[in-house]
Amino acid sequence: MHLMASDYLAVLVFVVFSLLFPASLLLFSKLIRKRSEPNPVSTLNFESSEESRGRRLTLMKEYFHYFSAFLAFEIIAAVILVWAILAKDLSSRVNIAVIGFAVFGSVFELFAILLATRRD
């Protein structure tokens, strides 16, 4: 199948819009906000209204398994959404493989979360 430049027009419009729209909102916000001198309290880091203690890396390690679980479930959800659109046109073997991937991936991820959160 030969693709022409006009086939990529929708993608190009989406990319331009997705870059310009947030940038324009940030610029507009910067233009209309009240200018004031920063005070020391407003520039401190807070965690649940408490001063931060420790290093940031310890916090990231503590929540890393939750992030990885969320990412894995998002990938599985994206595959299922694409499969739901194309399921009628695919063969039954492919449909069974996608369902198997989703089930296996979900069960594997649940066991991975269980092992990561287990306290010894």
PDB file of N, CA and C in Angstrom:
ATOM      1  N   MET A   1       0.840  -1.167   0.000  1.00  0.00           N
ATOM      2  CA  MET A   1       0.000   0.000   0.000  1.00  0.00           C
ATOM      3  C   MET A   1       0.893   1.242   0.000  1.00  0.00           C
ATOM      4  N   HIS A   2       0.618   2.144  -0.880  1.00  0.00           N
ATOM      5  CA  HIS A   2       1.405   3.358  -1.025  1.00  0.00           C
ATOM      6  C   HIS A   2       0.737   4.484  -0.242  1.00  0.00           C
ATOM      7  N   LEU A   3       1.467   5.074   0.686  1.00  0.00           N
ATOM      8  CA  LEU A   3       0.932   6.169   1.491  1.00  0.00           C
ATOM      9  C   LEU A   3       1.410   7.494   0.930  1.00  0.00           C
ATOM     10  N   MET A   4       0.514   8.430   0.910  1.00  0.00           N
ATOM     11  CA  MET A   4       0.844   9.752   0.424  1.00  0.00           C
ATOM     12  C   MET A   4       0.972  10.704   1.607  1.00  0.00           C
ATOM     13  N   ALA A   5       1.496  11.865   1.353  1.00  0.00           N
ATOM     14  CA  ALA A   5       1.690  12.861   2.413  1.00  0.00           C
ATOM     15  C   ALA A   5       0.359  13.289   3.025  1.00  0.00           C
ATOM     16  N   SER A   6      -0.702  13.275   2.228  1.00  0.00           N
ATOM     17  CA  SER A   6      -2.011  13.677   2.760  1.00  0.00           C
ATOM     18  C   SER A   6      -2.528  12.683   3.795  1.00  0.00           C
ATOM     19  N   ASP A   7      -2.020  11.438   3.776  1.00  0.00           N
ATOM     20  CA  ASP A   7      -2.431  10.457   4.777  1.00  0.00           C
ATOM     21  C   ASP A   7      -1.923  10.815   6.163  1.00  0.00           C
ATOM     22  N   TYR A   8      -0.850  11.562   6.224  1.00  0.00           N
ATOM     23  CA  TYR A   8      -0.266  11.943   7.500  1.00  0.00           C
ATOM     24  C   TYR A   8      -0.734  13.312   7.975  1.00  0.00           C
ATOM     25  N   LEU A   9      -1.630  13.936   7.257  1.00  0.00           N
ATOM     26  CA  LEU A   9      -2.087  15.276   7.608  1.00  0.00           C
ATOM     27  C   LEU A   9      -2.784  15.301   8.963  1.00  0.00           C
ATOM     28  N   ALA A  10      -3.640  14.322   9.238  1.00  0.00           N
ATOM     29  CA  ALA A  10      -4.345  14.284  10.523  1.00  0.00           C
ATOM     30  C   ALA A  10      -3.365  14.113  11.677  1.00  0.00           C
ATOM     31  N   VAL A  11      -2.351  13.286  11.501  1.00  0.00           N
ATOM     32  CA  VAL A  11      -1.344  13.091  12.541  1.00  0.00           C
ATOM     33  C   VAL A  11      -0.559  14.374  12.749  1.00  0.00           C
ATOM     34  N   LEU A  12      -0.200  15.044  11.679  1.00  0.00           N
ATOM     35  CA  LEU A  12       0.540  16.295  11.780  1.00  0.00           C
ATOM     36  C   LEU A  12      -0.279  17.361  12.493  1.00  0.00           C
ATOM     37  N   VAL A  13      -1.557  17.463  12.171  1.00  0.00           N
ATOM     38  CA  VAL A  13      -2.437  18.436  12.831  1.00  0.00           C
ATOM     39  C   VAL A  13      -2.538  18.107  14.318  1.00  0.00           C
ATOM     40  N   PHE A  14      -2.679  16.836  14.653  1.00  0.00           N
ATOM     41  CA  PHE A  14      -2.766  16.427  16.055  1.00  0.00           C
ATOM     42  C   PHE A  14      -1.480  16.764  16.811  1.00  0.00           C
ATOM     43  N   VAL A  15      -0.327  16.504  16.220  1.00  0.00           N
ATOM     44  CA  VAL A  15       0.944  16.790  16.881  1.00  0.00           C
ATOM     45  C   VAL A  15       1.114  18.287  17.101  1.00  0.00           C
ATOM     46  N   VAL A  16       0.811  19.078  16.096  1.00  0.00           N
ATOM     47  CA  VAL A  16       0.936  20.532  16.228  1.00  0.00           C
ATOM     48  C   VAL A  16      -0.022  21.045  17.305  1.00  0.00           C
ATOM     49  N   PHE A  17      -1.257  20.574  17.274  1.00  0.00           N
ATOM     50  CA  PHE A  17      -2.241  21.006  18.265  1.00  0.00           C
ATOM     51  C   PHE A  17      -1.828  20.577  19.671  1.00  0.00           C
ATOM     52  N   SER A  18      -1.331  19.349  19.826  1.00  0.00           N
ATOM     53  CA  SER A  18      -0.960  18.860  21.152  1.00  0.00           C
ATOM     54  C   SER A  18       0.278  19.564  21.699  1.00  0.00           C
ATOM     55  N   LEU A  19       1.080  20.173  20.863  1.00  0.00           N
ATOM     56  CA  LEU A  19       2.226  20.956  21.334  1.00  0.00           C
ATOM     57  C   LEU A  19       1.859  22.418  21.583  1.00  0.00           C
ATOM     58  N   LEU A  20       1.068  22.989  20.704  1.00  0.00           N
ATOM     59  CA  LEU A  20       0.744  24.414  20.806  1.00  0.00           C
ATOM     60  C   LEU A  20      -0.319  24.719  21.861  1.00  0.00           C
ATOM     61  N   PHE A  21      -1.283  23.845  22.043  1.00  0.00           N
ATOM     62  CA  PHE A  21      -2.364  24.131  22.982  1.00  0.00           C
ATOM     63  C   PHE A  21      -1.862  24.249  24.424  1.00  0.00           C
ATOM     64  N   PRO A  22      -1.121  23.275  24.974  1.00  0.00           N
ATOM     65  CA  PRO A  22      -0.607  23.459  26.341  1.00  0.00           C
ATOM     66  C   PRO A  22       0.364  24.631  26.451  1.00  0.00           C
ATOM     67  N   ALA A  23       1.191  24.831  25.434  1.00  0.00           N
ATOM     68  CA  ALA A  23       2.130  25.953  25.466  1.00  0.00           C
ATOM     69  C   ALA A  23       1.382  27.281  25.496  1.00  0.00           C
ATOM     70  N   SER A  24       0.309  27.398  24.738  1.00  0.00           N
ATOM     71  CA  SER A  24      -0.456  28.648  24.741  1.00  0.00           C
ATOM     72  C   SER A  24      -1.151  28.865  26.083  1.00  0.00           C
ATOM     73  N   LEU A  25      -1.632  27.801  26.733  1.00  0.00           N
ATOM     74  CA  LEU A  25      -2.245  27.953  28.052  1.00  0.00           C
ATOM     75  C   LEU A  25      -1.222  28.396  29.090  1.00  0.00           C
ATOM     76  N   LEU A  26      -0.022  27.833  29.044  1.00  0.00           N
ATOM     77  CA  LEU A  26       1.023  28.244  29.970  1.00  0.00           C
ATOM     78  C   LEU A  26       1.436  29.688  29.739  1.00  0.00           C
ATOM     79  N   LEU A  27       1.565  30.077  28.494  1.00  0.00           N
ATOM     80  CA  LEU A  27       1.930  31.460  28.177  1.00  0.00           C
ATOM     81  C   LEU A  27       0.839  32.431  28.628  1.00  0.00           C
ATOM     82  N   PHE A  28      -0.411  32.092  28.372  1.00  0.00           N
ATOM     83  CA  PHE A  28      -1.526  32.941  28.794  1.00  0.00           C
ATOM     84  C   PHE A  28      -1.557  33.068  30.319  1.00  0.00           C
ATOM     85  N   SER A  29      -1.337  31.975  31.020  1.00  0.00           N
ATOM     86  CA  SER A  29      -1.301  32.002  32.482  1.00  0.00           C
ATOM     87  C   SER A  29      -0.175  32.885  32.989  1.00  0.00           C
ATOM     88  N   LYS A  30       0.969  32.802  32.344  1.00  0.00           N
ATOM     89  CA  LYS A  30       2.101  33.638  32.758  1.00  0.00           C
ATOM     90  C   LYS A  30       1.811  35.114  32.507  1.00  0.00           C
ATOM     91  N   LEU A  31       1.089  35.427  31.468  1.00  0.00           N
ATOM     92  CA  LEU A  31       0.790  36.819  31.157  1.00  0.00           C
ATOM     93  C   LEU A  31      -0.219  37.436  32.120  1.00  0.00           C
ATOM     94  N   ILE A  32      -1.186  36.676  32.604  1.00  0.00           N
ATOM     95  CA  ILE A  32      -2.251  37.276  33.413  1.00  0.00           C
ATOM     96  C   ILE A  32      -2.059  37.102  34.917  1.00  0.00           C
ATOM     97  N   ARG A  33      -1.113  36.271  35.351  1.00  0.00           N
ATOM     98  CA  ARG A  33      -0.975  36.061  36.798  1.00  0.00           C
ATOM     99  C   ARG A  33      -0.354  37.278  37.483  1.00  0.00           C
ATOM    100  N   LYS A  34      -0.632  37.367  38.780  1.00  0.00           N
ATOM    101  CA  LYS A  34      -0.136  38.469  39.581  1.00  0.00           C
ATOM    102  C   LYS A  34       1.353  38.262  39.842  1.00  0.00           C
ATOM    103  N   ARG A  35       2.129  39.312  39.652  1.00  0.00           N
ATOM    104  CA  ARG A  35       3.560  39.236  39.886  1.00  0.00           C
ATOM    105  C   ARG A  35       3.838  39.561  41.353  1.00  0.00           C
ATOM    106  N   SER A  36       4.593  38.717  42.018  1.00  0.00           N
ATOM    107  CA  SER A  36       4.955  38.978  43.410  1.00  0.00           C
ATOM    108  C   SER A  36       6.307  38.342  43.698  1.00  0.00           C
ATOM    109  N   GLU A  37       6.946  38.852  44.716  1.00  0.00           N
ATOM    110  CA  GLU A  37       8.235  38.310  45.127  1.00  0.00           C
ATOM    111  C   GLU A  37       8.003  36.981  45.845  1.00  0.00           C
ATOM    112  N   PRO A  38       8.805  35.979  45.546  1.00  0.00           N
ATOM    113  CA  PRO A  38       8.607  34.700  46.241  1.00  0.00           C
ATOM    114  C   PRO A  38       9.053  34.805  47.696  1.00  0.00           C
ATOM    115  N   ASN A  39       8.287  34.173  48.581  1.00  0.00           N
ATOM    116  CA  ASN A  39       8.700  34.147  49.973  1.00  0.00           C
ATOM    117  C   ASN A  39       9.258  32.758  50.281  1.00  0.00           C
ATOM    118  N   PRO A  40      10.018  32.614  51.350  1.00  0.00           N
ATOM    119  CA  PRO A  40      10.672  31.333  51.620  1.00  0.00           C
ATOM    120  C   PRO A  40       9.702  30.182  51.853  1.00  0.00           C
ATOM    121  N   VAL A  41       8.516  30.470  52.361  1.00  0.00           N
ATOM    122  CA  VAL A  41       7.555  29.401  52.627  1.00  0.00           C
ATOM    123  C   VAL A  41       6.998  28.845  51.322  1.00  0.00           C
ATOM    124  N   SER A  42       6.764  29.688  50.346  1.00  0.00           N
ATOM    125  CA  SER A  42       6.167  29.225  49.096  1.00  0.00           C
ATOM    126  C   SER A  42       7.131  28.403  48.249  1.00  0.00           C
ATOM    127  N   THR A  43       8.407  28.468  48.515  1.00  0.00           N
ATOM    128  CA  THR A  43       9.367  27.701  47.717  1.00  0.00           C
ATOM    129  C   THR A  43       9.834  26.424  48.412  1.00  0.00           C
ATOM    130  N   LEU A  44       9.311  26.132  49.614  1.00  0.00           N
ATOM    131  CA  LEU A  44       9.690  24.903  50.304  1.00  0.00           C
ATOM    132  C   LEU A  44       8.962  23.702  49.705  1.00  0.00           C
ATOM    133  N   ASN A  45       9.593  22.539  49.810  1.00  0.00           N
ATOM    134  CA  ASN A  45       8.942  21.301  49.393  1.00  0.00           C
ATOM    135  C   ASN A  45       8.111  20.763  50.538  1.00  0.00           C
ATOM    136  N   PHE A  46       6.890  20.343  50.243  1.00  0.00           N
ATOM    137  CA  PHE A  46       6.018  19.790  51.264  1.00  0.00           C
ATOM    138  C   PHE A  46       5.475  18.444  50.801  1.00  0.00           C
ATOM    139  N   GLU A  47       5.293  17.553  51.758  1.00  0.00           N
ATOM    140  CA  GLU A  47       4.622  16.279  51.514  1.00  0.00           C
ATOM    141  C   GLU A  47       3.480  16.194  52.513  1.00  0.00           C
ATOM    142  N   SER A  48       2.264  16.321  52.065  1.00  0.00           N
ATOM    143  CA  SER A  48       1.086  16.274  52.931  1.00  0.00           C
ATOM    144  C   SER A  48       1.190  17.300  54.058  1.00  0.00           C
ATOM    145  N   SER A  49       1.551  18.494  53.717  1.00  0.00           N
ATOM    146  CA  SER A  49       1.678  19.620  54.644  1.00  0.00           C
ATOM    147  C   SER A  49       2.776  19.433  55.677  1.00  0.00           C
ATOM    148  N   GLU A  50       3.699  18.564  55.439  1.00  0.00           N
ATOM    149  CA  GLU A  50       4.850  18.359  56.314  1.00  0.00           C
ATOM    150  C   GLU A  50       6.115  18.637  55.528  1.00  0.00           C
ATOM    151  N   GLU A  51       7.149  19.081  56.232  1.00  0.00           N
ATOM    152  CA  GLU A  51       8.409  19.295  55.548  1.00  0.00           C
ATOM    153  C   GLU A  51       8.983  17.976  55.077  1.00  0.00           C
ATOM    154  N   SER A  52       9.614  17.998  53.909  1.00  0.00           N
ATOM    155  CA  SER A  52      10.198  16.787  53.342  1.00  0.00           C
ATOM    156  C   SER A  52      11.375  16.332  54.185  1.00  0.00           C
ATOM    157  N   ARG A  53      11.497  15.023  54.298  1.00  0.00           N
ATOM    158  CA  ARG A  53      12.633  14.441  55.000  1.00  0.00           C
ATOM    159  C   ARG A  53      13.218  13.368  54.105  1.00  0.00           C
ATOM    160  N   GLY A  54      14.503  13.227  54.147  1.00  0.00           N
ATOM    161  CA  GLY A  54      15.146  12.207  53.326  1.00  0.00           C
ATOM    162  C   GLY A  54      15.371  12.692  51.913  1.00  0.00           C
ATOM    163  N   ARG A  55      15.788  11.740  51.090  1.00  0.00           N
ATOM    164  CA  ARG A  55      16.074  12.066  49.697  1.00  0.00           C
ATOM    165  C   ARG A  55      14.909  11.679  48.813  1.00  0.00           C
ATOM    166  N   ARG A  56      14.853  12.261  47.670  1.00  0.00           N
ATOM    167  CA  ARG A  56      13.774  11.961  46.737  1.00  0.00           C
ATOM    168  C   ARG A  56      13.865  10.534  46.222  1.00  0.00           C
ATOM    169  N   LEU A  57      15.060  10.017  46.079  1.00  0.00           N
ATOM    170  CA  LEU A  57      15.231   8.669  45.552  1.00  0.00           C
ATOM    171  C   LEU A  57      14.577   7.633  46.436  1.00  0.00           C
ATOM    172  N   THR A  58      14.580   7.815  47.745  1.00  0.00           N
ATOM    173  CA  THR A  58      13.936   6.843  48.618  1.00  0.00           C
ATOM    174  C   THR A  58      12.431   6.836  48.389  1.00  0.00           C
ATOM    175  N   LEU A  59      11.868   7.996  48.132  1.00  0.00           N
ATOM    176  CA  LEU A  59      10.445   8.056  47.834  1.00  0.00           C
ATOM    177  C   LEU A  59      10.147   7.358  46.517  1.00  0.00           C
ATOM    178  N   MET A  60      10.985   7.565  45.526  1.00  0.00           N
ATOM    179  CA  MET A  60      10.768   6.925  44.236  1.00  0.00           C
ATOM    180  C   MET A  60      10.894   5.411  44.339  1.00  0.00           C
ATOM    181  N   LYS A  61      11.853   4.917  45.094  1.00  0.00           N
ATOM    182  CA  LYS A  61      11.994   3.474  45.255  1.00  0.00           C
ATOM    183  C   LYS A  61      10.802   2.895  45.996  1.00  0.00           C
ATOM    184  N   GLU A  62      10.263   3.660  46.905  1.00  0.00           N
ATOM    185  CA  GLU A  62       9.141   3.175  47.693  1.00  0.00           C
ATOM    186  C   GLU A  62       7.897   2.966  46.827  1.00  0.00           C
ATOM    187  N   TYR A  63       7.694   3.828  45.855  1.00  0.00           N
ATOM    188  CA  TYR A  63       6.491   3.764  45.022  1.00  0.00           C
ATOM    189  C   TYR A  63       6.749   3.212  43.622  1.00  0.00           C
ATOM    190  N   PHE A  64       7.928   2.704  43.375  1.00  0.00           N
ATOM    191  CA  PHE A  64       8.260   2.261  42.031  1.00  0.00           C
ATOM    192  C   PHE A  64       7.396   1.084  41.580  1.00  0.00           C
ATOM    193  N   HIS A  65       7.098   0.155  42.475  1.00  0.00           N
ATOM    194  CA  HIS A  65       6.292  -1.000  42.068  1.00  0.00           C
ATOM    195  C   HIS A  65       4.861  -0.583  41.719  1.00  0.00           C
ATOM    196  N   TYR A  66       4.336   0.466  42.364  1.00  0.00           N
ATOM    197  CA  TYR A  66       3.010   0.956  41.990  1.00  0.00           C
ATOM    198  C   TYR A  66       3.038   1.575  40.589  1.00  0.00           C
ATOM    199  N   PHE A  67       4.100   2.314  40.306  1.00  0.00           N
ATOM    200  CA  PHE A  67       4.245   2.904  38.979  1.00  0.00           C
ATOM    201  C   PHE A  67       4.363   1.821  37.913  1.00  0.00           C
ATOM    202  N   SER A  68       5.173   0.802  38.178  1.00  0.00           N
ATOM    203  CA  SER A  68       5.347  -0.266  37.188  1.00  0.00           C
ATOM    204  C   SER A  68       4.052  -1.037  36.990  1.00  0.00           C
ATOM    205  N   ALA A  69       3.288  -1.239  38.054  1.00  0.00           N
ATOM    206  CA  ALA A  69       2.004  -1.928  37.915  1.00  0.00           C
ATOM    207  C   ALA A  69       1.039  -1.097  37.083  1.00  0.00           C
ATOM    208  N   PHE A  70       0.982   0.191  37.354  1.00  0.00           N
ATOM    209  CA  PHE A  70       0.104   1.064  36.591  1.00  0.00           C
ATOM    210  C   PHE A  70       0.491   1.071  35.123  1.00  0.00           C
ATOM    211  N   LEU A  71       1.783   1.135  34.847  1.00  0.00           N
ATOM    212  CA  LEU A  71       2.252   1.151  33.467  1.00  0.00           C
ATOM    213  C   LEU A  71       1.895  -0.145  32.751  1.00  0.00           C
ATOM    214  N   ALA A  72       2.091  -1.272  33.428  1.00  0.00           N
ATOM    215  CA  ALA A  72       1.758  -2.559  32.808  1.00  0.00           C
ATOM    216  C   ALA A  72       0.264  -2.668  32.527  1.00  0.00           C
ATOM    217  N   PHE A  73      -0.572  -2.254  33.461  1.00  0.00           N
ATOM    218  CA  PHE A  73      -2.013  -2.297  33.226  1.00  0.00           C
ATOM    219  C   PHE A  73      -2.429  -1.324  32.124  1.00  0.00           C
ATOM    220  N   GLU A  74      -1.761  -0.211  32.003  1.00  0.00           N
ATOM    221  CA  GLU A  74      -2.059   0.725  30.914  1.00  0.00           C
ATOM    222  C   GLU A  74      -1.722   0.117  29.557  1.00  0.00           C
ATOM    223  N   ILE A  75      -0.611  -0.584  29.477  1.00  0.00           N
ATOM    224  CA  ILE A  75      -0.244  -1.242  28.213  1.00  0.00           C
ATOM    225  C   ILE A  75      -1.259  -2.311  27.862  1.00  0.00           C
ATOM    226  N   ILE A  76      -1.656  -3.100  28.851  1.00  0.00           N
ATOM    227  CA  ILE A  76      -2.667  -4.136  28.608  1.00  0.00           C
ATOM    228  C   ILE A  76      -3.980  -3.496  28.172  1.00  0.00           C
ATOM    229  N   ALA A  77      -4.371  -2.398  28.821  1.00  0.00           N
ATOM    230  CA  ALA A  77      -5.609  -1.717  28.448  1.00  0.00           C
ATOM    231  C   ALA A  77      -5.537  -1.162  27.029  1.00  0.00           C
ATOM    232  N   ALA A  78      -4.388  -0.629  26.633  1.00  0.00           N
ATOM    233  CA  ALA A  78      -4.242  -0.109  25.270  1.00  0.00           C
ATOM    234  C   ALA A  78      -4.361  -1.234  24.240  1.00  0.00           C
ATOM    235  N   VAL A  79      -3.754  -2.375  24.533  1.00  0.00           N
ATOM    236  CA  VAL A  79      -3.850  -3.517  23.617  1.00  0.00           C
ATOM    237  C   VAL A  79      -5.304  -3.977  23.512  1.00  0.00           C
ATOM    238  N   ILE A  80      -6.001  -4.031  24.634  1.00  0.00           N
ATOM    239  CA  ILE A  80      -7.403  -4.468  24.616  1.00  0.00           C
ATOM    240  C   ILE A  80      -8.273  -3.482  23.850  1.00  0.00           C
ATOM    241  N   LEU A  81      -8.019  -2.182  24.004  1.00  0.00           N
ATOM    242  CA  LEU A  81      -8.821  -1.197  23.278  1.00  0.00           C
ATOM    243  C   LEU A  81      -8.609  -1.311  21.768  1.00  0.00           C
ATOM    244  N   VAL A  82      -7.381  -1.473  21.345  1.00  0.00           N
ATOM    245  CA  VAL A  82      -7.117  -1.632  19.911  1.00  0.00           C
ATOM    246  C   VAL A  82      -7.730  -2.931  19.420  1.00  0.00           C
ATOM    247  N   TRP A  83      -7.590  -3.987  20.219  1.00  0.00           N
ATOM    248  CA  TRP A  83      -8.169  -5.283  19.833  1.00  0.00           C
ATOM    249  C   TRP A  83      -9.688  -5.201  19.731  1.00  0.00           C
ATOM    250  N   ALA A  84     -10.336  -4.448  20.630  1.00  0.00           N
ATOM    251  CA  ALA A  84     -11.791  -4.335  20.601  1.00  0.00           C
ATOM    252  C   ALA A  84     -12.277  -3.697  19.301  1.00  0.00           C
ATOM    253  N   ILE A  85     -11.486  -2.800  18.767  1.00  0.00           N
ATOM    254  CA  ILE A  85     -11.865  -2.164  17.505  1.00  0.00           C
ATOM    255  C   ILE A  85     -11.684  -3.131  16.338  1.00  0.00           C
ATOM    256  N   LEU A  86     -10.624  -3.922  16.379  1.00  0.00           N
ATOM    257  CA  LEU A  86     -10.275  -4.787  15.247  1.00  0.00           C
ATOM    258  C   LEU A  86     -10.746  -6.226  15.392  1.00  0.00           C
ATOM    259  N   ALA A  87     -11.412  -6.579  16.480  1.00  0.00           N
ATOM    260  CA  ALA A  87     -11.721  -7.985  16.778  1.00  0.00           C
ATOM    261  C   ALA A  87     -12.558  -8.652  15.685  1.00  0.00           C
ATOM    262  N   LYS A  88     -13.483  -7.945  15.079  1.00  0.00           N
ATOM    263  CA  LYS A  88     -14.348  -8.549  14.056  1.00  0.00           C
ATOM    264  C   LYS A  88     -13.559  -8.957  12.814  1.00  0.00           C
ATOM    265  N   ASP A  89     -12.517  -8.211  12.501  1.00  0.00           N
ATOM    266  CA  ASP A  89     -11.753  -8.465  11.287  1.00  0.00           C
ATOM    267  C   ASP A  89     -10.609  -9.458  11.479  1.00  0.00           C
ATOM    268  N   LEU A  90     -10.297  -9.817  12.723  1.00  0.00           N
ATOM    269  CA  LEU A  90      -9.177 -10.712  12.998  1.00  0.00           C
ATOM    270  C   LEU A  90      -9.641 -12.159  13.041  1.00  0.00           C
ATOM    271  N   SER A  91      -8.692 -13.067  12.850  1.00  0.00           N
ATOM    272  CA  SER A  91      -9.028 -14.486  12.922  1.00  0.00           C
ATOM    273  C   SER A  91      -9.233 -14.892  14.376  1.00  0.00           C
ATOM    274  N   SER A  92      -9.854 -16.044  14.566  1.00  0.00           N
ATOM    275  CA  SER A  92     -10.128 -16.496  15.927  1.00  0.00           C
ATOM    276  C   SER A  92      -8.837 -16.807  16.681  1.00  0.00           C
ATOM    277  N   ARG A  93      -7.794 -17.263  15.973  1.00  0.00           N
ATOM    278  CA  ARG A  93      -6.518 -17.540  16.646  1.00  0.00           C
ATOM    279  C   ARG A  93      -5.904 -16.265  17.216  1.00  0.00           C
ATOM    280  N   VAL A  94      -5.968 -15.191  16.475  1.00  0.00           N
ATOM    281  CA  VAL A  94      -5.431 -13.917  16.947  1.00  0.00           C
ATOM    282  C   VAL A  94      -6.259 -13.407  18.122  1.00  0.00           C
ATOM    283  N   ASN A  95      -7.583 -13.534  18.025  1.00  0.00           N
ATOM    284  CA  ASN A  95      -8.443 -13.092  19.122  1.00  0.00           C
ATOM    285  C   ASN A  95      -8.144 -13.863  20.404  1.00  0.00           C
ATOM    286  N   ILE A  96      -7.954 -15.172  20.294  1.00  0.00           N
ATOM    287  CA  ILE A  96      -7.630 -15.986  21.471  1.00  0.00           C
ATOM    288  C   ILE A  96      -6.270 -15.596  22.021  1.00  0.00           C
ATOM    289  N   ALA A  97      -5.319 -15.308  21.150  1.00  0.00           N
ATOM    290  CA  ALA A  97      -3.993 -14.901  21.602  1.00  0.00           C
ATOM    291  C   ALA A  97      -4.050 -13.569  22.353  1.00  0.00           C
ATOM    292  N   VAL A  98      -4.829 -12.621  21.878  1.00  0.00           N
ATOM    293  CA  VAL A  98      -4.937 -11.327  22.552  1.00  0.00           C
ATOM    294  C   VAL A  98      -5.615 -11.486  23.909  1.00  0.00           C
ATOM    295  N   ILE A  99      -6.665 -12.285  23.969  1.00  0.00           N
ATOM    296  CA  ILE A  99      -7.333 -12.531  25.248  1.00  0.00           C
ATOM    297  C   ILE A  99      -6.373 -13.221  26.209  1.00  0.00           C
ATOM    298  N   GLY A 100      -5.618 -14.181  25.709  1.00  0.00           N
ATOM    299  CA  GLY A 100      -4.625 -14.868  26.543  1.00  0.00           C
ATOM    300  C   GLY A 100      -3.562 -13.919  27.052  1.00  0.00           C
ATOM    301  N   PHE A 101      -3.104 -13.025  26.185  1.00  0.00           N
ATOM    302  CA  PHE A 101      -2.115 -12.015  26.604  1.00  0.00           C
ATOM    303  C   PHE A 101      -2.669 -11.143  27.711  1.00  0.00           C
ATOM    304  N   ALA A 102      -3.900 -10.701  27.568  1.00  0.00           N
ATOM    305  CA  ALA A 102      -4.500  -9.827  28.574  1.00  0.00           C
ATOM    306  C   ALA A 102      -4.664 -10.551  29.906  1.00  0.00           C
ATOM    307  N   VAL A 103      -5.144 -11.778  29.867  1.00  0.00           N
ATOM    308  CA  VAL A 103      -5.335 -12.532  31.107  1.00  0.00           C
ATOM    309  C   VAL A 103      -3.983 -12.855  31.746  1.00  0.00           C
ATOM    310  N   PHE A 104      -3.059 -13.373  30.960  1.00  0.00           N
ATOM    311  CA  PHE A 104      -1.744 -13.730  31.495  1.00  0.00           C
ATOM    312  C   PHE A 104      -1.020 -12.494  32.034  1.00  0.00           C
ATOM    313  N   GLY A 105      -1.058 -11.399  31.290  1.00  0.00           N
ATOM    314  CA  GLY A 105      -0.403 -10.180  31.731  1.00  0.00           C
ATOM    315  C   GLY A 105      -0.997  -9.642  33.021  1.00  0.00           C
ATOM    316  N   SER A 106      -2.321  -9.682  33.153  1.00  0.00           N
ATOM    317  CA  SER A 106      -2.973  -9.199  34.367  1.00  0.00           C
ATOM    318  C   SER A 106      -2.623 -10.064  35.571  1.00  0.00           C
ATOM    319  N   VAL A 107      -2.683 -11.391  35.394  1.00  0.00           N
ATOM    320  CA  VAL A 107      -2.353 -12.297  36.498  1.00  0.00           C
ATOM    321  C   VAL A 107      -0.880 -12.157  36.875  1.00  0.00           C
ATOM    322  N   PHE A 108       0.000 -12.085  35.891  1.00  0.00           N
ATOM    323  CA  PHE A 108       1.429 -11.924  36.164  1.00  0.00           C
ATOM    324  C   PHE A 108       1.690 -10.630  36.915  1.00  0.00           C
ATOM    325  N   GLU A 109       1.026  -9.558  36.501  1.00  0.00           N
ATOM    326  CA  GLU A 109       1.227  -8.273  37.152  1.00  0.00           C
ATOM    327  C   GLU A 109       0.689  -8.286  38.574  1.00  0.00           C
ATOM    328  N   LEU A 110      -0.426  -8.949  38.816  1.00  0.00           N
ATOM    329  CA  LEU A 110      -0.941  -9.044  40.181  1.00  0.00           C
ATOM    330  C   LEU A 110       0.030  -9.798  41.085  1.00  0.00           C
ATOM    331  N   PHE A 111       0.627 -10.874  40.584  1.00  0.00           N
ATOM    332  CA  PHE A 111       1.620 -11.594  41.375  1.00  0.00           C
ATOM    333  C   PHE A 111       2.872 -10.747  41.596  1.00  0.00           C
ATOM    334  N   ALA A 112       3.259  -9.982  40.604  1.00  0.00           N
ATOM    335  CA  ALA A 112       4.425  -9.105  40.754  1.00  0.00           C
ATOM    336  C   ALA A 112       4.162  -8.041  41.819  1.00  0.00           C
ATOM    337  N   ILE A 113       2.959  -7.479  41.848  1.00  0.00           N
ATOM    338  CA  ILE A 113       2.608  -6.508  42.878  1.00  0.00           C
ATOM    339  C   ILE A 113       2.608  -7.172  44.253  1.00  0.00           C
ATOM    340  N   LEU A 114       2.066  -8.371  44.334  1.00  0.00           N
ATOM    341  CA  LEU A 114       2.034  -9.088  45.607  1.00  0.00           C
ATOM    342  C   LEU A 114       3.447  -9.333  46.126  1.00  0.00           C
ATOM    343  N   LEU A 115       4.343  -9.736  45.273  1.00  0.00           N
ATOM    344  CA  LEU A 115       5.732  -9.991  45.697  1.00  0.00           C
ATOM    345  C   LEU A 115       6.445  -8.690  46.044  1.00  0.00           C
ATOM    346  N   ALA A 116       6.176  -7.626  45.320  1.00  0.00           N
ATOM    347  CA  ALA A 116       6.866  -6.364  45.571  1.00  0.00           C
ATOM    348  C   ALA A 116       6.409  -5.700  46.852  1.00  0.00           C
ATOM    349  N   THR A 117       5.152  -5.881  47.210  1.00  0.00           N
ATOM    350  CA  THR A 117       4.616  -5.213  48.407  1.00  0.00           C
ATOM    351  C   THR A 117       4.697  -6.096  49.639  1.00  0.00           C
ATOM    352  N   ARG A 118       5.117  -7.311  49.505  1.00  0.00           N
ATOM    353  CA  ARG A 118       5.198  -8.227  50.649  1.00  0.00           C
ATOM    354  C   ARG A 118       6.294  -7.776  51.604  1.00  0.00           C
ATOM    355  N   ARG A 119       5.957  -7.741  52.853  1.00  0.00           N
ATOM    356  CA  ARG A 119       6.925  -7.359  53.891  1.00  0.00           C
ATOM    357  C   ARG A 119       7.505  -8.618  54.515  1.00  0.00           C
ATOM    358  N   ASP A 120       8.836  -8.680  54.608  1.00  0.00           N
ATOM    359  CA  ASP A 120       9.481  -9.834  55.235  1.00  0.00           C
ATOM    360  C   ASP A 120       9.700  -9.630  56.704  1.00  0.00           C
TER     361      ASP A 120
END
